[in-house]
């Protein structure tokens, strides 16, 4: 299990108001949200212009080698719209 996919599934589970680790159909509830988490991540796999612009701006500020900072800027562009 990829940690990011699991974190996304757990977040969706909490968002829906369910405890993450209660048992549902023989497994932890959060695992039932893996398809939704995968769909969201696939939907943002291809960056849009806002994400690219955020990456370029951040790279100019902090340097192109700060991949974490650039990634966060790109995801922030998605969240903030």
PDB file of N, CA and C in Angstrom:
ATOM      1  N   UNK A   1       0.848  -1.185   0.000  1.00  0.00           N
ATOM      2  CA  UNK A   1       0.000   0.000   0.000  1.00  0.00           C
ATOM      3  C   UNK A   1       0.887   1.240   0.000  1.00  0.00           C
ATOM      4  N   UNK A   2       0.612   2.132  -0.900  1.00  0.00           N
ATOM      5  CA  UNK A   2       1.345   3.393  -0.978  1.00  0.00           C
ATOM      6  C   UNK A   2       0.856   4.324   0.132  1.00  0.00           C
ATOM      7  N   UNK A   3       1.788   4.926   0.887  1.00  0.00           N
ATOM      8  CA  UNK A   3       1.367   5.790   2.004  1.00  0.00           C
ATOM      9  C   UNK A   3       0.461   6.946   1.584  1.00  0.00           C
ATOM     10  N   UNK A   4       0.726   7.567   0.447  1.00  0.00           N
ATOM     11  CA  UNK A   4      -0.104   8.697   0.016  1.00  0.00           C
ATOM     12  C   UNK A   4      -1.517   8.247  -0.328  1.00  0.00           C
ATOM     13  N   UNK A   5      -1.640   7.114  -0.985  1.00  0.00           N
ATOM     14  CA  UNK A   5      -2.960   6.583  -1.319  1.00  0.00           C
ATOM     15  C   UNK A   5      -3.728   6.253  -0.043  1.00  0.00           C
ATOM     16  N   UNK A   6      -3.042   5.659   0.919  1.00  0.00           N
ATOM     17  CA  UNK A   6      -3.689   5.348   2.196  1.00  0.00           C
ATOM     18  C   UNK A   6      -4.120   6.632   2.911  1.00  0.00           C
ATOM     19  N   UNK A   7      -3.254   7.638   2.955  1.00  0.00           N
ATOM     20  CA  UNK A   7      -3.615   8.910   3.605  1.00  0.00           C
ATOM     21  C   UNK A   7      -4.838   9.528   2.942  1.00  0.00           C
ATOM     22  N   UNK A   8      -4.890   9.463   1.623  1.00  0.00           N
ATOM     23  CA  UNK A   8      -6.037  10.020   0.902  1.00  0.00           C
ATOM     24  C   UNK A   8      -7.313   9.258   1.247  1.00  0.00           C
ATOM     25  N   UNK A   9      -7.237   7.941   1.266  1.00  0.00           N
ATOM     26  CA  UNK A   9      -8.416   7.117   1.592  1.00  0.00           C
ATOM     27  C   UNK A   9      -8.875   7.379   3.029  1.00  0.00           C
ATOM     28  N   UNK A  10      -7.929   7.502   3.931  1.00  0.00           N
ATOM     29  CA  UNK A  10      -8.284   7.797   5.326  1.00  0.00           C
ATOM     30  C   UNK A  10      -8.941   9.170   5.433  1.00  0.00           C
ATOM     31  N   UNK A  11      -8.442  10.151   4.695  1.00  0.00           N
ATOM     32  CA  UNK A  11      -9.023  11.496   4.726  1.00  0.00           C
ATOM     33  C   UNK A  11     -10.454  11.497   4.198  1.00  0.00           C
ATOM     34  N   UNK A  12     -10.694  10.762   3.126  1.00  0.00           N
ATOM     35  CA  UNK A  12     -12.057  10.673   2.578  1.00  0.00           C
ATOM     36  C   UNK A  12     -12.976   9.992   3.582  1.00  0.00           C
ATOM     37  N   UNK A  13     -12.485   8.959   4.211  1.00  0.00           N
ATOM     38  CA  UNK A  13     -13.264   8.245   5.227  1.00  0.00           C
ATOM     39  C   UNK A  13     -13.665   9.194   6.357  1.00  0.00           C
ATOM     40  N   UNK A  14     -12.687   9.956   6.876  1.00  0.00           N
ATOM     41  CA  UNK A  14     -12.990  10.922   7.941  1.00  0.00           C
ATOM     42  C   UNK A  14     -13.960  11.987   7.454  1.00  0.00           C
ATOM     43  N   UNK A  15     -13.762  12.459   6.230  1.00  0.00           N
ATOM     44  CA  UNK A  15     -14.639  13.469   5.660  1.00  0.00           C
ATOM     45  C   UNK A  15     -16.081  12.978   5.612  1.00  0.00           C
ATOM     46  N   UNK A  16     -16.253  11.717   5.333  1.00  0.00           N
ATOM     47  CA  UNK A  16     -17.590  11.117   5.282  1.00  0.00           C
ATOM     48  C   UNK A  16     -18.148  10.841   6.677  1.00  0.00           C
ATOM     49  N   UNK A  17     -17.352  11.123   7.717  1.00  0.00           N
ATOM     50  CA  UNK A  17     -17.836  10.983   9.093  1.00  0.00           C
ATOM     51  C   UNK A  17     -17.677   9.603   9.697  1.00  0.00           C
ATOM     52  N   UNK A  18     -16.800   8.797   9.120  1.00  0.00           N
ATOM     53  CA  UNK A  18     -16.608   7.436   9.612  1.00  0.00           C
ATOM     54  C   UNK A  18     -15.280   7.292  10.337  1.00  0.00           C
ATOM     55  N   UNK A  19     -15.263   6.548  11.441  1.00  0.00           N
ATOM     56  CA  UNK A  19     -13.988   6.216  12.077  1.00  0.00           C
ATOM     57  C   UNK A  19     -13.162   5.364  11.106  1.00  0.00           C
ATOM     58  N   UNK A  20     -11.889   5.699  10.962  1.00  0.00           N
ATOM     59  CA  UNK A  20     -11.041   5.047   9.963  1.00  0.00           C
ATOM     60  C   UNK A  20     -10.857   3.547  10.185  1.00  0.00           C
ATOM     61  N   UNK A  21     -10.738   3.155  11.436  1.00  0.00           N
ATOM     62  CA  UNK A  21     -10.317   1.777  11.701  1.00  0.00           C
ATOM     63  C   UNK A  21     -11.428   0.835  12.152  1.00  0.00           C
ATOM     64  N   UNK A  22     -12.692   1.292  12.133  1.00  0.00           N
ATOM     65  CA  UNK A  22     -13.751   0.332  12.456  1.00  0.00           C
ATOM     66  C   UNK A  22     -13.810  -0.707  11.336  1.00  0.00           C
ATOM     67  N   UNK A  23     -14.257  -1.867  11.666  1.00  0.00           N
ATOM     68  CA  UNK A  23     -14.322  -2.942  10.681  1.00  0.00           C
ATOM     69  C   UNK A  23     -15.572  -2.794   9.817  1.00  0.00           C
ATOM     70  N   UNK A  24     -15.364  -2.914   8.523  1.00  0.00           N
ATOM     71  CA  UNK A  24     -16.450  -2.861   7.559  1.00  0.00           C
ATOM     72  C   UNK A  24     -16.145  -3.902   6.490  1.00  0.00           C
ATOM     73  N   UNK A  25     -17.003  -4.862   6.370  1.00  0.00           N
ATOM     74  CA  UNK A  25     -16.836  -5.956   5.415  1.00  0.00           C
ATOM     75  C   UNK A  25     -15.476  -6.642   5.566  1.00  0.00           C
ATOM     76  N   UNK A  26     -15.086  -6.828   6.829  1.00  0.00           N
ATOM     77  CA  UNK A  26     -13.886  -7.601   7.120  1.00  0.00           C
ATOM     78  C   UNK A  26     -12.568  -6.845   7.029  1.00  0.00           C
ATOM     79  N   UNK A  27     -12.627  -5.546   6.858  1.00  0.00           N
ATOM     80  CA  UNK A  27     -11.384  -4.762   6.798  1.00  0.00           C
ATOM     81  C   UNK A  27     -11.644  -3.377   7.384  1.00  0.00           C
ATOM     82  N   UNK A  28     -10.576  -2.616   7.581  1.00  0.00           N
ATOM     83  CA  UNK A  28     -10.724  -1.272   8.131  1.00  0.00           C
ATOM     84  C   UNK A  28     -11.564  -0.417   7.183  1.00  0.00           C
ATOM     85  N   UNK A  29     -12.421   0.402   7.742  1.00  0.00           N
ATOM     86  CA  UNK A  29     -13.340   1.227   6.958  1.00  0.00           C
ATOM     87  C   UNK A  29     -12.618   2.057   5.901  1.00  0.00           C
ATOM     88  N   UNK A  30     -11.458   2.638   6.241  1.00  0.00           N
ATOM     89  CA  UNK A  30     -10.758   3.504   5.291  1.00  0.00           C
ATOM     90  C   UNK A  30     -10.421   2.772   4.003  1.00  0.00           C
ATOM     91  N   UNK A  31     -10.233   1.468   4.066  1.00  0.00           N
ATOM     92  CA  UNK A  31      -9.874   0.714   2.870  1.00  0.00           C
ATOM     93  C   UNK A  31     -10.990   0.693   1.831  1.00  0.00           C
ATOM     94  N   UNK A  32     -12.218   0.895   2.283  1.00  0.00           N
ATOM     95  CA  UNK A  32     -13.329   0.926   1.329  1.00  0.00           C
ATOM     96  C   UNK A  32     -13.316   2.216   0.503  1.00  0.00           C
ATOM     97  N   UNK A  33     -12.503   3.192   0.897  1.00  0.00           N
ATOM     98  CA  UNK A  33     -12.398   4.447   0.168  1.00  0.00           C
ATOM     99  C   UNK A  33     -11.198   4.491  -0.776  1.00  0.00           C
ATOM    100  N   UNK A  34     -10.493   3.394  -0.924  1.00  0.00           N
ATOM    101  CA  UNK A  34      -9.341   3.361  -1.832  1.00  0.00           C
ATOM    102  C   UNK A  34      -9.716   3.687  -3.280  1.00  0.00           C
ATOM    103  N   UNK A  35     -10.823   3.175  -3.810  1.00  0.00           N
ATOM    104  CA  UNK A  35     -11.165   3.538  -5.196  1.00  0.00           C
ATOM    105  C   UNK A  35     -11.384   5.044  -5.383  1.00  0.00           C
ATOM    106  N   UNK A  36     -12.038   5.695  -4.421  1.00  0.00           N
ATOM    107  CA  UNK A  36     -12.264   7.134  -4.522  1.00  0.00           C
ATOM    108  C   UNK A  36     -10.945   7.894  -4.432  1.00  0.00           C
ATOM    109  N   UNK A  37     -10.083   7.476  -3.521  1.00  0.00           N
ATOM    110  CA  UNK A  37      -8.784   8.131  -3.365  1.00  0.00           C
ATOM    111  C   UNK A  37      -7.964   7.979  -4.646  1.00  0.00           C
ATOM    112  N   UNK A  38      -7.958   6.793  -5.202  1.00  0.00           N
ATOM    113  CA  UNK A  38      -7.222   6.539  -6.455  1.00  0.00           C
ATOM    114  C   UNK A  38      -7.775   7.421  -7.586  1.00  0.00           C
ATOM    115  N   UNK A  39      -9.100   7.549  -7.654  1.00  0.00           N
ATOM    116  CA  UNK A  39      -9.728   8.363  -8.706  1.00  0.00           C
ATOM    117  C   UNK A  39      -9.328   9.831  -8.581  1.00  0.00           C
ATOM    118  N   UNK A  40      -9.292  10.345  -7.366  1.00  0.00           N
ATOM    119  CA  UNK A  40      -8.900  11.740  -7.161  1.00  0.00           C
ATOM    120  C   UNK A  40      -7.450  11.949  -7.573  1.00  0.00           C
ATOM    121  N   UNK A  41      -6.569  11.056  -7.143  1.00  0.00           N
ATOM    122  CA  UNK A  41      -5.154  11.207  -7.478  1.00  0.00           C
ATOM    123  C   UNK A  41      -4.925  11.085  -8.983  1.00  0.00           C
ATOM    124  N   UNK A  42      -5.656  10.200  -9.621  1.00  0.00           N
ATOM    125  CA  UNK A  42      -5.531  10.077 -11.078  1.00  0.00           C
ATOM    126  C   UNK A  42      -6.031  11.332 -11.784  1.00  0.00           C
ATOM    127  N   UNK A  43      -7.064  11.954 -11.216  1.00  0.00           N
ATOM    128  CA  UNK A  43      -7.627  13.160 -11.829  1.00  0.00           C
ATOM    129  C   UNK A  43      -6.650  14.329 -11.801  1.00  0.00           C
ATOM    130  N   UNK A  44      -5.770  14.377 -10.808  1.00  0.00           N
ATOM    131  CA  UNK A  44      -4.820  15.489 -10.724  1.00  0.00           C
ATOM    132  C   UNK A  44      -3.410  15.080 -11.152  1.00  0.00           C
ATOM    133  N   UNK A  45      -3.303  13.910 -11.721  1.00  0.00           N
ATOM    134  CA  UNK A  45      -1.992  13.429 -12.177  1.00  0.00           C
ATOM    135  C   UNK A  45      -1.397  14.345 -13.252  1.00  0.00           C
ATOM    136  N   UNK A  46      -2.230  14.802 -14.154  1.00  0.00           N
ATOM    137  CA  UNK A  46      -1.786  15.716 -15.207  1.00  0.00           C
ATOM    138  C   UNK A  46      -1.971  17.146 -14.700  1.00  0.00           C
ATOM    139  N   UNK A  47      -0.884  17.899 -14.507  1.00  0.00           N
ATOM    140  CA  UNK A  47      -1.035  19.245 -13.948  1.00  0.00           C
ATOM    141  C   UNK A  47      -1.742  20.190 -14.915  1.00  0.00           C
ATOM    142  N   UNK A  48      -2.558  21.083 -14.345  1.00  0.00           N
ATOM    143  CA  UNK A  48      -3.177  22.126 -15.156  1.00  0.00           C
ATOM    144  C   UNK A  48      -2.276  23.362 -15.130  1.00  0.00           C
ATOM    145  N   UNK A  49      -2.674  24.395 -15.819  1.00  0.00           N
ATOM    146  CA  UNK A  49      -1.829  25.583 -15.923  1.00  0.00           C
ATOM    147  C   UNK A  49      -1.607  26.264 -14.571  1.00  0.00           C
ATOM    148  N   UNK A  50      -2.611  26.226 -13.705  1.00  0.00           N
ATOM    149  CA  UNK A  50      -2.438  26.821 -12.375  1.00  0.00           C
ATOM    150  C   UNK A  50      -1.355  26.086 -11.592  1.00  0.00           C
ATOM    151  N   UNK A  51      -1.339  24.768 -11.716  1.00  0.00           N
ATOM    152  CA  UNK A  51      -0.324  23.977 -11.022  1.00  0.00           C
ATOM    153  C   UNK A  51       1.069  24.254 -11.587  1.00  0.00           C
ATOM    154  N   UNK A  52       1.158  24.326 -12.906  1.00  0.00           N
ATOM    155  CA  UNK A  52       2.451  24.594 -13.551  1.00  0.00           C
ATOM    156  C   UNK A  52       2.949  25.986 -13.166  1.00  0.00           C
ATOM    157  N   UNK A  53       2.065  26.958 -13.181  1.00  0.00           N
ATOM    158  CA  UNK A  53       2.445  28.318 -12.803  1.00  0.00           C
ATOM    159  C   UNK A  53       2.925  28.371 -11.354  1.00  0.00           C
ATOM    160  N   UNK A  54       2.222  27.674 -10.476  1.00  0.00           N
ATOM    161  CA  UNK A  54       2.628  27.635  -9.069  1.00  0.00           C
ATOM    162  C   UNK A  54       4.004  26.994  -8.922  1.00  0.00           C
ATOM    163  N   UNK A  55       4.264  25.944  -9.691  1.00  0.00           N
ATOM    164  CA  UNK A  55       5.562  25.278  -9.639  1.00  0.00           C
ATOM    165  C   UNK A  55       6.677  26.200 -10.110  1.00  0.00           C
ATOM    166  N   UNK A  56       6.441  26.905 -11.199  1.00  0.00           N
ATOM    167  CA  UNK A  56       7.446  27.830 -11.740  1.00  0.00           C
ATOM    168  C   UNK A  56       7.718  28.954 -10.744  1.00  0.00           C
ATOM    169  N   UNK A  57       6.644  29.545 -10.197  1.00  0.00           N
ATOM    170  CA  UNK A  57       6.808  30.630  -9.227  1.00  0.00           C
ATOM    171  C   UNK A  57       7.587  30.165  -8.001  1.00  0.00           C
ATOM    172  N   UNK A  58       7.242  28.998  -7.495  1.00  0.00           N
ATOM    173  CA  UNK A  58       7.910  28.479  -6.301  1.00  0.00           C
ATOM    174  C   UNK A  58       9.365  28.158  -6.591  1.00  0.00           C
ATOM    175  N   UNK A  59       9.641  27.594  -7.742  1.00  0.00           N
ATOM    176  CA  UNK A  59      11.019  27.271  -8.118  1.00  0.00           C
ATOM    177  C   UNK A  59      11.871  28.532  -8.198  1.00  0.00           C
ATOM    178  N   UNK A  60      11.281  29.627  -8.656  1.00  0.00           N
ATOM    179  CA  UNK A  60      12.005  30.901  -8.710  1.00  0.00           C
ATOM    180  C   UNK A  60      12.317  31.417  -7.309  1.00  0.00           C
ATOM    181  N   UNK A  61      11.401  31.158  -6.366  1.00  0.00           N
ATOM    182  CA  UNK A  61      11.575  31.631  -4.990  1.00  0.00           C
ATOM    183  C   UNK A  61      12.577  30.793  -4.206  1.00  0.00           C
ATOM    184  N   UNK A  62      12.461  29.480  -4.324  1.00  0.00           N
ATOM    185  CA  UNK A  62      13.211  28.598  -3.426  1.00  0.00           C
ATOM    186  C   UNK A  62      14.238  27.737  -4.139  1.00  0.00           C
ATOM    187  N   UNK A  63      14.250  27.767  -5.451  1.00  0.00           N
ATOM    188  CA  UNK A  63      15.195  26.945  -6.207  1.00  0.00           C
ATOM    189  C   UNK A  63      14.530  25.690  -6.735  1.00  0.00           C
ATOM    190  N   UNK A  64      14.980  25.303  -7.907  1.00  0.00           N
ATOM    191  CA  UNK A  64      14.367  24.162  -8.593  1.00  0.00           C
ATOM    192  C   UNK A  64      14.624  22.840  -7.891  1.00  0.00           C
ATOM    193  N   UNK A  65      15.563  22.788  -6.970  1.00  0.00           N
ATOM    194  CA  UNK A  65      15.880  21.534  -6.288  1.00  0.00           C
ATOM    195  C   UNK A  65      14.989  21.221  -5.106  1.00  0.00           C
ATOM    196  N   UNK A  66      14.148  22.149  -4.691  1.00  0.00           N
ATOM    197  CA  UNK A  66      13.260  21.900  -3.552  1.00  0.00           C
ATOM    198  C   UNK A  66      11.970  21.267  -4.048  1.00  0.00           C
ATOM    199  N   UNK A  67      12.043  19.985  -4.318  1.00  0.00           N
ATOM    200  CA  UNK A  67      10.909  19.276  -4.903  1.00  0.00           C
ATOM    201  C   UNK A  67       9.694  19.259  -3.987  1.00  0.00           C
ATOM    202  N   UNK A  68       9.928  19.156  -2.694  1.00  0.00           N
ATOM    203  CA  UNK A  68       8.806  19.142  -1.750  1.00  0.00           C
ATOM    204  C   UNK A  68       8.071  20.480  -1.780  1.00  0.00           C
ATOM    205  N   UNK A  69       8.814  21.561  -1.768  1.00  0.00           N
ATOM    206  CA  UNK A  69       8.194  22.878  -1.821  1.00  0.00           C
ATOM    207  C   UNK A  69       7.420  23.104  -3.105  1.00  0.00           C
ATOM    208  N   UNK A  70       7.987  22.645  -4.206  1.00  0.00           N
ATOM    209  CA  UNK A  70       7.312  22.793  -5.500  1.00  0.00           C
ATOM    210  C   UNK A  70       6.046  21.949  -5.539  1.00  0.00           C
ATOM    211  N   UNK A  71       6.141  20.721  -5.064  1.00  0.00           N
ATOM    212  CA  UNK A  71       4.978  19.829  -5.014  1.00  0.00           C
ATOM    213  C   UNK A  71       3.867  20.452  -4.167  1.00  0.00           C
ATOM    214  N   UNK A  72       4.234  20.975  -3.007  1.00  0.00           N
ATOM    215  CA  UNK A  72       3.233  21.589  -2.131  1.00  0.00           C
ATOM    216  C   UNK A  72       2.590  22.801  -2.798  1.00  0.00           C
ATOM    217  N   UNK A  73       3.379  23.568  -3.516  1.00  0.00           N
ATOM    218  CA  UNK A  73       2.827  24.724  -4.228  1.00  0.00           C
ATOM    219  C   UNK A  73       1.829  24.275  -5.292  1.00  0.00           C
ATOM    220  N   UNK A  74       2.159  23.195  -5.990  1.00  0.00           N
ATOM    221  CA  UNK A  74       1.267  22.693  -7.035  1.00  0.00           C
ATOM    222  C   UNK A  74      -0.044  22.186  -6.435  1.00  0.00           C
ATOM    223  N   UNK A  75       0.042  21.423  -5.368  1.00  0.00           N
ATOM    224  CA  UNK A  75      -1.180  20.908  -4.727  1.00  0.00           C
ATOM    225  C   UNK A  75      -1.971  22.062  -4.127  1.00  0.00           C
ATOM    226  N   UNK A  76      -1.268  23.046  -3.564  1.00  0.00           N
ATOM    227  CA  UNK A  76      -1.935  24.233  -3.033  1.00  0.00           C
ATOM    228  C   UNK A  76      -2.732  24.950  -4.112  1.00  0.00           C
ATOM    229  N   UNK A  77      -2.198  24.988  -5.331  1.00  0.00           N
ATOM    230  CA  UNK A  77      -2.923  25.622  -6.436  1.00  0.00           C
ATOM    231  C   UNK A  77      -4.227  24.879  -6.739  1.00  0.00           C
ATOM    232  N   UNK A  78      -4.228  23.576  -6.563  1.00  0.00           N
ATOM    233  CA  UNK A  78      -5.447  22.788  -6.772  1.00  0.00           C
ATOM    234  C   UNK A  78      -6.456  23.069  -5.662  1.00  0.00           C
ATOM    235  N   UNK A  79      -5.981  23.058  -4.439  1.00  0.00           N
ATOM    236  CA  UNK A  79      -6.871  23.223  -3.278  1.00  0.00           C
ATOM    237  C   UNK A  79      -7.469  24.627  -3.226  1.00  0.00           C
ATOM    238  N   UNK A  80      -6.635  25.622  -3.464  1.00  0.00           N
ATOM    239  CA  UNK A  80      -7.093  27.002  -3.368  1.00  0.00           C
ATOM    240  C   UNK A  80      -7.878  27.464  -4.578  1.00  0.00           C
ATOM    241  N   UNK A  81      -7.749  26.724  -5.669  1.00  0.00           N
ATOM    242  CA  UNK A  81      -8.506  27.046  -6.875  1.00  0.00           C
ATOM    243  C   UNK A  81      -7.968  28.232  -7.533  1.00  0.00           C
TER     244      UNK A  81
END
